[in-house]
């Protein structure tokens, strides 16, 4: 079996955890447009304390996911 090794991978014979850094992948956008008709349904008719929220997530590989969720406050 082949193993990749590099300087700093082992310390005193034990594996060392990799260094974690904060990556700037999270962005928040506000769009002033009406929601697409495809996302609006009568099933999600909201009461005064309920809201519909559209969440869009794009991961570091560029995969795009959009979800409509109900939030009750």
Protein backbone atom coordinates (compact mmCIF):
# COMPACT_ATOMS: atom_id res chain seq x y z
CA UNK A 1 0.00 0.00 0.00
CA UNK A 2 1.26 3.48 -0.85
CA UNK A 3 0.90 6.41 1.53
CA UNK A 4 1.37 10.08 0.80
CA UNK A 5 3.61 11.70 3.37
CA UNK A 6 4.77 15.27 3.83
CA UNK A 7 6.64 17.28 6.38
CA UNK A 8 4.44 17.90 9.42
CA UNK A 9 2.06 14.97 8.82
CA UNK A 10 3.48 13.05 11.78
CA UNK A 11 4.77 14.29 15.11
CA UNK A 12 6.36 11.78 17.52
CA UNK A 13 4.99 8.91 15.40
CA UNK A 14 1.36 10.13 15.56
CA UNK A 15 -0.66 11.83 12.84
CA UNK A 16 -1.16 15.57 13.31
CA UNK A 17 -4.53 17.19 12.54
CA UNK A 18 -4.43 19.46 9.49
CA UNK A 19 -4.39 23.22 9.96
CA UNK A 20 -7.90 24.66 9.62
CA UNK A 21 -8.31 28.08 8.07
CA UNK A 22 -11.42 30.18 7.49
CA UNK A 23 -12.36 30.19 3.81
CA UNK A 24 -14.48 32.99 2.33
CA UNK A 25 -17.06 30.77 0.57
CA UNK A 26 -20.18 31.96 2.36
CA UNK A 27 -21.93 34.92 0.79
CA UNK A 28 -25.34 36.41 1.52
CA UNK A 29 -27.33 38.01 -1.27
CA UNK A 30 -30.54 40.00 -1.13
CA UNK A 31 -32.58 40.05 -4.31
CA UNK A 32 -35.37 42.58 -4.80
CA UNK A 33 -37.40 40.54 -7.26
CA UNK A 34 -40.68 38.74 -6.93
CA UNK A 35 -40.37 35.02 -6.40
CA UNK A 36 -40.68 32.80 -9.43
CA UNK A 37 -44.21 31.51 -9.99
CA UNK A 38 -42.94 27.93 -9.76
CA UNK A 39 -42.02 28.37 -6.09
CA UNK A 40 -45.40 29.80 -5.02
CA UNK A 41 -48.12 27.31 -4.16
CA UNK A 42 -51.38 27.50 -2.24
CA UNK A 43 -50.15 24.70 0.03
CA UNK A 44 -47.76 27.18 1.69
CA UNK A 45 -50.36 29.86 2.46
CA UNK A 46 -48.75 31.67 5.38
CA UNK A 47 -50.43 32.89 8.57
CA UNK A 48 -49.41 36.16 10.24
CA UNK A 49 -46.58 34.49 12.21
CA UNK A 50 -45.33 32.26 9.37
CA UNK A 51 -42.97 33.21 6.57
CA UNK A 52 -41.73 31.56 3.42
CA UNK A 53 -37.95 31.69 2.97
CA UNK A 54 -36.04 30.72 -0.15
CA UNK A 55 -32.57 29.39 0.69
CA UNK A 56 -29.97 29.03 -2.04
CA UNK A 57 -26.72 27.18 -1.32
CA UNK A 58 -23.76 26.98 -3.68
CA UNK A 59 -20.95 24.73 -2.50
CA UNK A 60 -17.27 25.08 -3.36
CA UNK A 61 -17.69 22.80 -6.39
CA UNK A 62 -20.38 25.07 -7.83
CA UNK A 63 -23.32 22.76 -7.07
CA UNK A 64 -26.48 24.83 -6.66
CA UNK A 65 -29.41 23.94 -4.37
CA UNK A 66 -32.53 26.07 -3.83
CA UNK A 67 -35.12 25.20 -1.17
CA UNK A 68 -38.37 26.83 -0.07
CA UNK A 69 -38.84 26.49 3.69
CA UNK A 70 -41.49 27.67 6.16
CA UNK A 71 -40.40 29.62 9.24
CA UNK A 72 -42.73 30.18 12.17
CA UNK A 73 -41.92 32.93 14.63
